[in-house]
N, C-alpha and C. Protein backbone atom coordinates (compact mmCIF):
# COMPACT_ATOMS: atom_id res chain seq x y z
N MET A 1 1.22 -1.13 -0.12
CA MET A 1 -0.10 -0.09 0.38
C MET A 1 0.40 1.43 -0.03
N PRO A 2 0.75 1.94 -0.92
CA PRO A 2 1.11 3.62 -1.06
C PRO A 2 1.32 4.34 0.35
N THR A 3 2.17 4.92 0.52
CA THR A 3 1.74 6.02 1.60
C THR A 3 1.05 6.98 1.52
N LEU A 4 0.90 8.08 1.67
CA LEU A 4 0.26 9.39 1.61
C LEU A 4 1.10 10.08 0.82
N ALA A 5 2.30 9.84 0.93
CA ALA A 5 2.96 11.32 0.26
C ALA A 5 3.17 10.75 -1.45
N GLU A 6 3.68 9.03 -1.18
CA GLU A 6 4.05 8.54 -2.86
C GLU A 6 2.39 8.52 -3.16
N THR A 7 1.44 8.57 -2.93
CA THR A 7 -0.01 8.73 -3.54
C THR A 7 -0.22 10.18 -3.86
N LEU A 8 0.53 11.35 -3.07
CA LEU A 8 0.20 12.70 -3.36
C LEU A 8 1.37 13.14 -4.23
N ASP A 9 2.71 12.23 -4.10
CA ASP A 9 3.35 12.76 -5.77
C ASP A 9 2.61 12.02 -6.78
N ARG A 10 2.18 11.16 -6.96
CA ARG A 10 1.86 10.23 -7.95
C ARG A 10 0.18 11.25 -8.76
N ILE A 11 -0.23 11.89 -7.63
CA ILE A 11 -1.24 12.69 -8.32
C ILE A 11 -0.89 14.28 -8.46
N ARG A 12 0.09 14.42 -8.44
CA ARG A 12 0.98 16.42 -8.70
C ARG A 12 1.69 15.55 -9.82
N ASP A 13 2.61 14.54 -9.99
CA ASP A 13 2.97 14.21 -11.52
C ASP A 13 1.93 13.56 -12.20
N ALA A 14 0.82 12.82 -11.69
CA ALA A 14 -0.21 13.22 -13.21
C ALA A 14 -0.56 14.32 -13.73
N GLY A 15 -1.26 15.62 -12.87
CA GLY A 15 -1.37 16.54 -13.36
C GLY A 15 -0.47 17.47 -14.39
N ALA A 16 0.77 17.00 -13.86
CA ALA A 16 1.91 18.21 -14.59
C ALA A 16 2.23 17.67 -15.93
N ALA A 17 2.18 15.93 -16.03
CA ALA A 17 1.69 15.73 -17.58
C ALA A 17 0.95 15.73 -17.79
N LYS A 18 -0.05 16.39 -17.84
CA LYS A 18 -1.52 16.49 -18.69
C LYS A 18 -0.96 18.57 -18.91
N ARG A 19 -0.41 19.14 -18.42
CA ARG A 19 -0.74 20.97 -18.22
C ARG A 19 0.87 20.72 -18.96
N ASP A 20 0.84 21.99 -19.57
CA ASP A 20 2.05 22.31 -20.27
C ASP A 20 3.00 22.73 -19.31
N PRO A 21 4.22 22.53 -19.64
CA PRO A 21 5.69 22.36 -18.59
C PRO A 21 5.53 23.60 -18.10
N ALA A 22 5.36 24.58 -19.04
CA ALA A 22 5.90 25.83 -18.09
C ALA A 22 4.90 26.66 -17.26
N VAL A 23 3.68 26.44 -17.53
CA VAL A 23 2.70 26.31 -16.26
C VAL A 23 3.21 25.55 -14.91
N THR A 24 3.90 24.43 -15.29
CA THR A 24 4.10 23.56 -13.99
C THR A 24 5.07 24.05 -13.45
N ALA A 25 5.90 25.15 -14.43
CA ALA A 25 7.39 25.14 -14.33
C ALA A 25 6.74 26.51 -13.24
N VAL A 26 6.29 27.57 -13.84
CA VAL A 26 5.66 28.37 -13.00
C VAL A 26 4.93 27.96 -11.19
N LEU A 27 4.23 27.10 -11.12
CA LEU A 27 3.95 26.82 -10.22
C LEU A 27 4.21 25.87 -8.84
N ARG A 28 5.42 25.31 -9.33
CA ARG A 28 6.97 24.90 -8.91
C ARG A 28 7.51 26.23 -8.23
N SER A 29 8.23 26.64 -9.26
CA SER A 29 8.38 28.36 -8.40
C SER A 29 8.02 29.36 -7.71
N CYS A 30 6.14 29.65 -7.98
CA CYS A 30 5.54 29.99 -6.71
C CYS A 30 5.88 29.48 -5.31
N THR A 31 5.36 28.11 -5.22
CA THR A 31 5.51 26.83 -4.38
C THR A 31 6.82 27.00 -3.57
N ALA A 32 7.95 27.21 -4.11
CA ALA A 32 9.37 27.54 -3.88
C ALA A 32 9.60 28.12 -2.91
N ASP A 33 9.01 29.23 -3.78
CA ASP A 33 9.22 31.04 -3.05
C ASP A 33 8.12 31.10 -1.82
N LEU A 34 6.98 30.47 -1.72
CA LEU A 34 6.51 30.33 -0.60
C LEU A 34 6.87 29.70 0.93
N ALA A 35 7.48 28.73 -0.24
CA ALA A 35 8.26 28.04 1.50
C ALA A 35 9.63 28.91 1.76
N ALA A 36 10.35 29.06 0.94
CA ALA A 36 11.52 30.04 1.11
C ALA A 36 11.20 31.52 1.76
N SER A 37 9.28 31.52 1.98
CA SER A 37 9.92 33.36 2.40
C SER A 37 9.60 32.77 4.11
N GLY A 38 9.30 31.77 5.21
CA GLY A 38 8.78 31.77 5.84
C GLY A 38 7.49 30.75 6.26
N ILE A 39 6.78 31.20 5.44
CA ILE A 39 5.21 31.04 5.81
C ILE A 39 5.18 29.79 6.27
N MET A 40 5.44 28.57 6.18
CA MET A 40 5.43 27.37 6.69
C MET A 40 5.56 27.37 8.13
N ASP A 41 6.91 27.96 8.94
CA ASP A 41 7.02 28.60 10.20
C ASP A 41 6.13 28.59 11.19
N GLY A 42 4.92 30.01 10.78
CA GLY A 42 3.88 30.06 11.28
C GLY A 42 2.69 28.49 11.55
N ILE A 43 2.57 27.70 10.86
CA ILE A 43 1.29 26.78 10.59
C ILE A 43 1.48 26.36 11.70
N VAL A 44 0.39 25.63 12.34
CA VAL A 44 0.14 24.51 12.96
C VAL A 44 0.19 23.28 12.84
N LYS A 45 0.96 21.80 13.71
CA LYS A 45 1.65 21.20 12.69
C LYS A 45 0.87 19.66 13.23
N ALA A 46 0.53 18.82 12.42
CA ALA A 46 -0.21 17.49 13.41
C ALA A 46 0.49 17.70 14.66
N GLY A 47 -0.37 17.36 15.80
CA GLY A 47 -0.33 16.58 17.11
C GLY A 47 0.07 18.17 18.11
N ASP A 48 -0.19 19.26 16.84
CA ASP A 48 0.23 20.90 17.82
C ASP A 48 -0.93 21.39 18.28
N ARG A 49 -0.90 21.39 19.54
CA ARG A 49 -2.07 22.35 20.40
C ARG A 49 -2.63 23.38 19.24
N ALA A 50 -3.87 23.45 19.41
CA ALA A 50 -4.68 24.59 17.90
C ALA A 50 -4.67 25.40 18.92
N PRO A 51 -4.10 26.74 18.68
CA PRO A 51 -4.66 27.87 19.34
C PRO A 51 -6.01 28.42 18.94
N LEU A 52 -6.93 28.98 20.25
CA LEU A 52 -8.32 28.99 20.28
C LEU A 52 -8.75 29.85 18.90
N PHE A 53 -9.43 29.57 18.60
CA PHE A 53 -9.99 30.67 17.39
C PHE A 53 -11.58 30.27 17.43
N ALA A 54 -12.50 31.24 16.14
CA ALA A 54 -14.33 31.78 16.54
C ALA A 54 -13.89 31.89 15.26
N ARG A 55 -14.49 30.47 14.05
CA ARG A 55 -14.44 31.15 12.58
C ARG A 55 -15.74 30.63 12.29
N PRO A 56 -16.50 31.36 10.89
CA PRO A 56 -17.74 30.73 10.35
C PRO A 56 -17.94 29.36 9.93
N ASN A 57 -19.16 28.99 10.22
CA ASN A 57 -18.71 27.79 9.93
C ASN A 57 -19.82 27.81 8.09
N LEU A 58 -19.75 27.06 7.45
CA LEU A 58 -20.67 26.74 6.26
C LEU A 58 -22.06 27.28 6.32
N GLU A 59 -23.06 27.49 7.83
CA GLU A 59 -24.15 28.32 7.89
C GLU A 59 -23.77 29.36 7.84
N HIS A 60 -22.65 30.02 8.01
CA HIS A 60 -22.12 31.44 8.58
C HIS A 60 -22.44 31.24 10.08
N ARG A 61 -22.46 30.63 10.74
CA ARG A 61 -22.86 30.83 12.56
C ARG A 61 -21.45 30.72 12.59
N THR A 62 -20.42 31.13 13.79
CA THR A 62 -19.64 31.33 14.57
C THR A 62 -19.65 30.05 15.34
N VAL A 63 -17.82 29.40 14.78
CA VAL A 63 -17.37 28.12 15.83
C VAL A 63 -16.82 28.62 16.30
N ARG A 64 -16.93 28.20 18.27
CA ARG A 64 -15.30 28.94 18.75
C ARG A 64 -15.08 27.44 19.47
N LEU A 65 -13.46 27.20 19.18
CA LEU A 65 -12.60 26.40 19.45
C LEU A 65 -13.32 26.04 20.86
N ALA A 66 -12.97 26.98 22.15
CA ALA A 66 -13.35 26.80 22.98
C ALA A 66 -14.55 26.39 23.54
N ARG A 67 -16.00 26.71 22.99
CA ARG A 67 -16.95 26.33 23.52
C ARG A 67 -17.06 24.76 22.44
N LEU A 68 -16.42 24.01 21.60
CA LEU A 68 -16.56 22.90 21.55
C LEU A 68 -15.57 21.89 22.22
N LEU A 69 -14.92 22.82 22.89
CA LEU A 69 -13.32 21.77 24.02
C LEU A 69 -14.18 21.02 24.77
N ALA A 70 -15.36 22.49 25.58
CA ALA A 70 -16.32 22.16 26.69
C ALA A 70 -16.77 20.73 26.55
N ASP A 71 -17.26 20.10 25.17
CA ASP A 71 -17.59 19.33 25.64
C ASP A 71 -16.78 17.82 25.64
N GLY A 72 -15.04 18.12 25.35
CA GLY A 72 -14.50 16.79 25.31
C GLY A 72 -13.63 17.16 24.00
N PRO A 73 -12.70 16.31 23.60
CA PRO A 73 -12.10 16.38 22.46
C PRO A 73 -11.99 16.95 21.71
N VAL A 74 -11.36 17.68 20.77
CA VAL A 74 -12.22 18.08 19.26
C VAL A 74 -11.25 16.94 18.11
N VAL A 75 -12.30 16.75 17.17
CA VAL A 75 -11.06 17.19 15.94
C VAL A 75 -11.52 18.19 15.29
N LEU A 76 -10.06 18.31 14.60
CA LEU A 76 -10.52 19.52 12.96
C LEU A 76 -9.85 19.30 11.69
N SER A 77 -11.06 19.27 10.98
CA SER A 77 -10.82 19.23 9.16
C SER A 77 -10.87 20.06 8.68
N PHE A 78 -10.01 20.60 7.74
CA PHE A 78 -10.07 22.03 7.04
C PHE A 78 -10.20 21.76 5.80
N PHE A 79 -10.88 22.32 4.52
CA PHE A 79 -10.87 22.48 3.52
C PHE A 79 -10.61 23.59 2.87
N ARG A 80 -10.05 23.51 1.45
CA ARG A 80 -9.16 24.25 0.97
C ARG A 80 -10.71 24.94 0.43
N GLY A 81 -10.51 26.68 0.62
CA GLY A 81 -11.68 27.82 -0.14
C GLY A 81 -12.79 26.98 -0.84
N ARG A 82 -13.19 27.82 -1.49
CA ARG A 82 -15.04 27.40 -1.85
C ARG A 82 -14.93 27.06 -3.16
N TRP A 83 -15.31 25.94 -3.06
CA TRP A 83 -15.48 24.83 -4.49
C TRP A 83 -16.55 24.77 -5.28
């Protein structure tokens, strides 16, 4: 069974094979620029304690981590953007 990293590499490589190499070069360059900027230093990593936050859910209601934690352990799942 492939690891998650291997699966993600395969998906990335399949996408790169379908598009113009110049576009792939720009995407890789932008990703490298972001990594070099230090942006990754400020993110919460797996196993870290999440900072207490309040954010709107899909119904535009504010969800507060502190309130959820009052009921017990919390599992957070994030998705990127609006599709």
